[in-house]
Amino acid sequence: MPVILALCLLPVLLGAVCEYAVCRFTKRRPWRWALPLTALAGTVIVFLVRYHGWSADVAHGGSAPIETLLFIPGLPAALLFLGLFIGYRLWRRVWRPRVIDEK
C-alpha cells in the first residue's frame, strides 16, 4: 500500500499543489512554464540515467528493459503531469474572472 501511495498518489498531489502555488503567486506568464519544463527535464534526465546506467551486459552496450523505464520514470512522471494539469485547472476555476450576463 505505501508503494502505491508513493508512486501514484504523491506525484499527483505534489504536482497539483505546486502548479496551483506557482500560478497563484507568480504574476508573469513565463514563470508558469517553469514548473512543467523543469518536470520534463527531470523526467528526461531520470530516463537517460536509468537507460544508460543499466548494468546488464555493459560491455556490449546493454540498456534497460523498456518495462522498467515505463514503470519508474514513466508512471510517476505521467501522474506528475496529470497533477500539474489538475493544479492549473483548479487555479483557472478559482481565480478566473467570471462574466455574469444579466438579461
N, C-alpha and C. Protein backbone atom coordinates (compact mmCIF):
# COMPACT_ATOMS: atom_id res chain seq x y z
N MET A 1 0.81 -1.21 0.00
CA MET A 1 0.00 0.00 0.00
C MET A 1 0.85 1.27 0.00
N PRO A 2 1.92 1.34 0.81
CA PRO A 2 2.74 2.56 0.76
C PRO A 2 3.40 2.79 -0.59
N VAL A 3 3.72 1.71 -1.32
CA VAL A 3 4.33 1.86 -2.64
C VAL A 3 3.33 2.46 -3.61
N ILE A 4 2.07 2.03 -3.52
CA ILE A 4 1.04 2.59 -4.38
C ILE A 4 0.85 4.07 -4.10
N LEU A 5 0.85 4.44 -2.83
CA LEU A 5 0.72 5.85 -2.47
C LEU A 5 1.92 6.66 -2.95
N ALA A 6 3.10 6.10 -2.78
CA ALA A 6 4.30 6.84 -3.17
C ALA A 6 4.42 6.99 -4.68
N LEU A 7 4.05 5.96 -5.44
CA LEU A 7 4.21 6.02 -6.89
C LEU A 7 3.04 6.65 -7.61
N CYS A 8 1.86 6.64 -7.01
CA CYS A 8 0.67 7.11 -7.72
C CYS A 8 0.07 8.38 -7.13
N LEU A 9 -0.21 8.36 -5.85
CA LEU A 9 -0.92 9.49 -5.26
C LEU A 9 -0.02 10.68 -4.98
N LEU A 10 1.19 10.42 -4.54
CA LEU A 10 2.11 11.51 -4.19
C LEU A 10 2.46 12.41 -5.38
N PRO A 11 2.79 11.87 -6.56
CA PRO A 11 3.09 12.77 -7.69
C PRO A 11 1.89 13.62 -8.12
N VAL A 12 0.69 13.06 -8.05
CA VAL A 12 -0.50 13.84 -8.43
C VAL A 12 -0.70 14.98 -7.45
N LEU A 13 -0.64 14.70 -6.16
CA LEU A 13 -0.82 15.75 -5.16
C LEU A 13 0.30 16.78 -5.21
N LEU A 14 1.52 16.32 -5.35
CA LEU A 14 2.65 17.24 -5.41
C LEU A 14 2.56 18.15 -6.63
N GLY A 15 2.22 17.58 -7.78
CA GLY A 15 2.07 18.38 -8.99
C GLY A 15 0.94 19.39 -8.89
N ALA A 16 -0.20 18.97 -8.34
CA ALA A 16 -1.35 19.88 -8.23
C ALA A 16 -1.05 21.03 -7.28
N VAL A 17 -0.47 20.74 -6.13
CA VAL A 17 -0.18 21.79 -5.15
C VAL A 17 0.88 22.75 -5.69
N CYS A 18 1.93 22.22 -6.29
CA CYS A 18 2.99 23.09 -6.80
C CYS A 18 2.50 23.96 -7.95
N GLU A 19 1.74 23.38 -8.88
CA GLU A 19 1.26 24.17 -10.02
C GLU A 19 0.27 25.24 -9.57
N TYR A 20 -0.59 24.91 -8.63
CA TYR A 20 -1.53 25.91 -8.12
C TYR A 20 -0.78 27.05 -7.46
N ALA A 21 0.23 26.72 -6.65
CA ALA A 21 1.01 27.76 -5.97
C ALA A 21 1.77 28.63 -6.95
N VAL A 22 2.37 28.02 -7.96
CA VAL A 22 3.12 28.80 -8.95
C VAL A 22 2.18 29.72 -9.72
N CYS A 23 1.05 29.19 -10.16
CA CYS A 23 0.10 30.03 -10.91
C CYS A 23 -0.51 31.11 -10.03
N ARG A 24 -0.72 30.83 -8.77
CA ARG A 24 -1.37 31.78 -7.88
C ARG A 24 -0.44 32.93 -7.50
N PHE A 25 0.81 32.64 -7.25
CA PHE A 25 1.71 33.65 -6.70
C PHE A 25 2.66 34.28 -7.71
N THR A 26 2.70 33.83 -8.93
CA THR A 26 3.52 34.50 -9.93
C THR A 26 2.63 35.39 -10.79
N LYS A 27 3.11 36.53 -11.08
CA LYS A 27 2.33 37.49 -11.85
C LYS A 27 2.62 37.42 -13.34
N ARG A 28 3.78 36.94 -13.71
CA ARG A 28 4.15 36.91 -15.12
C ARG A 28 3.90 35.52 -15.71
N ARG A 29 3.45 35.51 -16.92
CA ARG A 29 3.08 34.27 -17.59
C ARG A 29 4.27 33.34 -17.85
N PRO A 30 5.47 33.83 -18.21
CA PRO A 30 6.58 32.88 -18.47
C PRO A 30 6.96 32.04 -17.26
N TRP A 31 6.79 32.55 -16.05
CA TRP A 31 7.12 31.76 -14.86
C TRP A 31 6.21 30.56 -14.71
N ARG A 32 5.04 30.60 -15.30
CA ARG A 32 4.11 29.47 -15.19
C ARG A 32 4.58 28.28 -16.01
N TRP A 33 5.47 28.51 -16.96
CA TRP A 33 6.01 27.41 -17.75
C TRP A 33 7.22 26.77 -17.08
N ALA A 34 7.75 27.39 -16.02
CA ALA A 34 8.96 26.88 -15.37
C ALA A 34 8.74 25.50 -14.76
N LEU A 35 7.64 25.30 -14.09
CA LEU A 35 7.40 24.02 -13.42
C LEU A 35 7.20 22.87 -14.41
N PRO A 36 6.37 23.00 -15.45
CA PRO A 36 6.26 21.89 -16.40
C PRO A 36 7.56 21.60 -17.15
N LEU A 37 8.32 22.65 -17.48
CA LEU A 37 9.58 22.43 -18.17
C LEU A 37 10.61 21.77 -17.26
N THR A 38 10.61 22.13 -15.99
CA THR A 38 11.50 21.50 -15.03
C THR A 38 11.13 20.04 -14.83
N ALA A 39 9.85 19.75 -14.75
CA ALA A 39 9.40 18.36 -14.62
C ALA A 39 9.77 17.55 -15.85
N LEU A 40 9.65 18.13 -17.03
CA LEU A 40 10.02 17.44 -18.26
C LEU A 40 11.51 17.18 -18.31
N ALA A 41 12.31 18.16 -17.94
CA ALA A 41 13.77 17.98 -17.93
C ALA A 41 14.17 16.91 -16.92
N GLY A 42 13.56 16.92 -15.75
CA GLY A 42 13.86 15.90 -14.75
C GLY A 42 13.48 14.51 -15.21
N THR A 43 12.35 14.40 -15.88
CA THR A 43 11.93 13.10 -16.41
C THR A 43 12.90 12.59 -17.46
N VAL A 44 13.33 13.46 -18.34
CA VAL A 44 14.28 13.05 -19.39
C VAL A 44 15.61 12.64 -18.77
N ILE A 45 16.08 13.38 -17.77
CA ILE A 45 17.35 13.04 -17.11
C ILE A 45 17.24 11.69 -16.41
N VAL A 46 16.16 11.45 -15.67
CA VAL A 46 15.99 10.16 -14.99
C VAL A 46 15.89 9.03 -16.01
N PHE A 47 15.17 9.26 -17.11
CA PHE A 47 15.06 8.26 -18.16
C PHE A 47 16.43 7.91 -18.74
N LEU A 48 17.22 8.92 -19.07
CA LEU A 48 18.52 8.67 -19.69
C LEU A 48 19.49 8.01 -18.72
N VAL A 49 19.47 8.42 -17.45
CA VAL A 49 20.36 7.81 -16.46
C VAL A 49 19.99 6.35 -16.25
N ARG A 50 18.70 6.06 -16.17
CA ARG A 50 18.29 4.66 -15.99
C ARG A 50 18.54 3.85 -17.25
N TYR A 51 18.38 4.44 -18.41
CA TYR A 51 18.58 3.71 -19.66
C TYR A 51 20.05 3.35 -19.87
N HIS A 52 20.93 4.33 -19.69
CA HIS A 52 22.35 4.09 -19.92
C HIS A 52 23.06 3.53 -18.70
N GLY A 53 22.46 3.61 -17.55
CA GLY A 53 23.11 3.11 -16.34
C GLY A 53 22.77 1.69 -15.99
N TRP A 54 22.06 1.01 -16.87
CA TRP A 54 21.68 -0.37 -16.61
C TRP A 54 22.93 -1.24 -16.68
N SER A 55 23.13 -2.12 -15.69
CA SER A 55 24.37 -2.88 -15.61
C SER A 55 24.29 -4.24 -16.28
N ALA A 56 23.27 -4.51 -17.05
CA ALA A 56 23.15 -5.80 -17.73
C ALA A 56 23.96 -5.78 -19.03
N ASP A 57 25.04 -6.51 -19.04
CA ASP A 57 25.88 -6.63 -20.23
C ASP A 57 26.38 -5.27 -20.72
N VAL A 58 27.06 -4.57 -19.85
CA VAL A 58 27.56 -3.24 -20.16
C VAL A 58 28.62 -3.28 -21.26
N ALA A 59 29.38 -4.36 -21.33
CA ALA A 59 30.44 -4.46 -22.33
C ALA A 59 29.88 -4.46 -23.75
N HIS A 60 28.66 -4.95 -23.92
CA HIS A 60 28.06 -4.99 -25.25
C HIS A 60 27.02 -3.91 -25.44
N GLY A 61 27.08 -2.88 -24.64
CA GLY A 61 26.15 -1.77 -24.82
C GLY A 61 24.73 -2.10 -24.37
N GLY A 62 24.61 -2.85 -23.30
CA GLY A 62 23.29 -3.23 -22.81
C GLY A 62 22.51 -2.04 -22.29
N SER A 63 21.22 -2.09 -22.45
CA SER A 63 20.38 -1.00 -21.97
C SER A 63 19.25 -1.56 -21.12
N ALA A 64 18.54 -0.69 -20.46
CA ALA A 64 17.48 -1.11 -19.56
C ALA A 64 16.29 -1.66 -20.33
N PRO A 65 15.63 -2.66 -19.78
CA PRO A 65 14.39 -3.14 -20.41
C PRO A 65 13.32 -2.05 -20.39
N ILE A 66 12.50 -2.05 -21.41
CA ILE A 66 11.50 -0.99 -21.56
C ILE A 66 10.49 -1.02 -20.42
N GLU A 67 10.23 -2.19 -19.83
CA GLU A 67 9.26 -2.28 -18.75
C GLU A 67 9.72 -1.49 -17.53
N THR A 68 11.01 -1.55 -17.22
CA THR A 68 11.50 -0.80 -16.06
C THR A 68 11.47 0.70 -16.32
N LEU A 69 11.70 1.10 -17.55
CA LEU A 69 11.66 2.52 -17.86
C LEU A 69 10.23 3.07 -17.85
N LEU A 70 9.28 2.25 -18.24
CA LEU A 70 7.89 2.68 -18.18
C LEU A 70 7.38 2.75 -16.75
N PHE A 71 7.89 1.88 -15.89
CA PHE A 71 7.38 1.83 -14.52
C PHE A 71 7.97 2.93 -13.64
N ILE A 72 9.27 3.11 -13.67
CA ILE A 72 9.86 4.07 -12.73
C ILE A 72 9.84 5.51 -13.24
N PRO A 73 10.47 5.91 -14.32
CA PRO A 73 10.28 7.32 -14.65
C PRO A 73 8.97 7.58 -15.37
N GLY A 74 8.39 6.58 -16.00
CA GLY A 74 7.20 6.79 -16.82
C GLY A 74 5.93 7.03 -16.02
N LEU A 75 5.59 6.13 -15.13
CA LEU A 75 4.34 6.24 -14.37
C LEU A 75 4.33 7.45 -13.44
N PRO A 76 5.35 7.66 -12.59
CA PRO A 76 5.32 8.85 -11.75
C PRO A 76 5.36 10.16 -12.55
N ALA A 77 6.07 10.16 -13.67
CA ALA A 77 6.11 11.38 -14.49
C ALA A 77 4.76 11.67 -15.11
N ALA A 78 4.09 10.65 -15.61
CA ALA A 78 2.76 10.85 -16.18
C ALA A 78 1.78 11.36 -15.13
N LEU A 79 1.87 10.80 -13.94
CA LEU A 79 0.98 11.26 -12.86
C LEU A 79 1.36 12.65 -12.37
N LEU A 80 2.65 12.99 -12.41
CA LEU A 80 3.06 14.35 -12.06
C LEU A 80 2.48 15.36 -13.04
N PHE A 81 2.54 15.04 -14.33
CA PHE A 81 1.96 15.94 -15.33
C PHE A 81 0.44 16.02 -15.20
N LEU A 82 -0.20 14.93 -14.81
CA LEU A 82 -1.63 14.96 -14.53
C LEU A 82 -1.91 15.89 -13.35
N GLY A 83 -1.08 15.83 -12.32
CA GLY A 83 -1.22 16.74 -11.19
C GLY A 83 -0.99 18.19 -11.57
N LEU A 84 -0.03 18.44 -12.45
CA LEU A 84 0.21 19.80 -12.93
C LEU A 84 -1.02 20.33 -13.67
N PHE A 85 -1.62 19.49 -14.49
CA PHE A 85 -2.81 19.89 -15.21
C PHE A 85 -3.98 20.15 -14.26
N ILE A 86 -4.14 19.29 -13.26
CA ILE A 86 -5.22 19.48 -12.28
C ILE A 86 -5.00 20.78 -11.50
N GLY A 87 -3.77 21.06 -11.10
CA GLY A 87 -3.48 22.30 -10.38
C GLY A 87 -3.75 23.53 -11.21
N TYR A 88 -3.40 23.47 -12.50
CA TYR A 88 -3.66 24.60 -13.39
C TYR A 88 -5.16 24.81 -13.57
N ARG A 89 -5.91 23.73 -13.79
CA ARG A 89 -7.35 23.85 -13.97
C ARG A 89 -8.03 24.35 -12.69
N LEU A 90 -7.54 23.91 -11.54
CA LEU A 90 -8.09 24.40 -10.27
C LEU A 90 -7.83 25.89 -10.11
N TRP A 91 -6.63 26.32 -10.45
CA TRP A 91 -6.32 27.75 -10.37
C TRP A 91 -7.19 28.55 -11.32
N ARG A 92 -7.36 28.07 -12.55
CA ARG A 92 -8.21 28.77 -13.51
C ARG A 92 -9.65 28.86 -13.03
N ARG A 93 -10.14 27.80 -12.42
CA ARG A 93 -11.53 27.78 -11.96
C ARG A 93 -11.75 28.73 -10.79
N VAL A 94 -10.79 28.79 -9.89
CA VAL A 94 -10.94 29.63 -8.69
C VAL A 94 -10.69 31.10 -9.00
N TRP A 95 -9.68 31.44 -9.79
CA TRP A 95 -9.24 32.81 -9.95
C TRP A 95 -9.59 33.45 -11.28
N ARG A 96 -10.26 32.75 -12.17
CA ARG A 96 -10.63 33.36 -13.45
C ARG A 96 -11.79 34.32 -13.25
N PRO A 97 -11.74 35.46 -13.89
CA PRO A 97 -12.88 36.39 -13.76
C PRO A 97 -14.14 35.77 -14.37
N ARG A 98 -15.22 35.99 -13.71
CA ARG A 98 -16.50 35.46 -14.18
C ARG A 98 -17.33 36.58 -14.80
N VAL A 99 -17.95 36.27 -15.88
CA VAL A 99 -18.83 37.23 -16.57
C VAL A 99 -20.26 36.80 -16.31
N ILE A 100 -21.01 37.71 -15.73
CA ILE A 100 -22.40 37.42 -15.44
C ILE A 100 -23.25 38.23 -16.42
N ASP A 101 -24.04 37.53 -17.18
CA ASP A 101 -24.88 38.16 -18.18
C ASP A 101 -26.29 38.33 -17.60
N GLU A 102 -26.60 39.56 -17.25
CA GLU A 102 -27.94 39.84 -16.71
C GLU A 102 -28.82 40.31 -17.84
N LYS A 103 -29.91 39.61 -18.06
CA LYS A 103 -30.82 39.97 -19.14
C LYS A 103 -32.00 40.73 -18.63
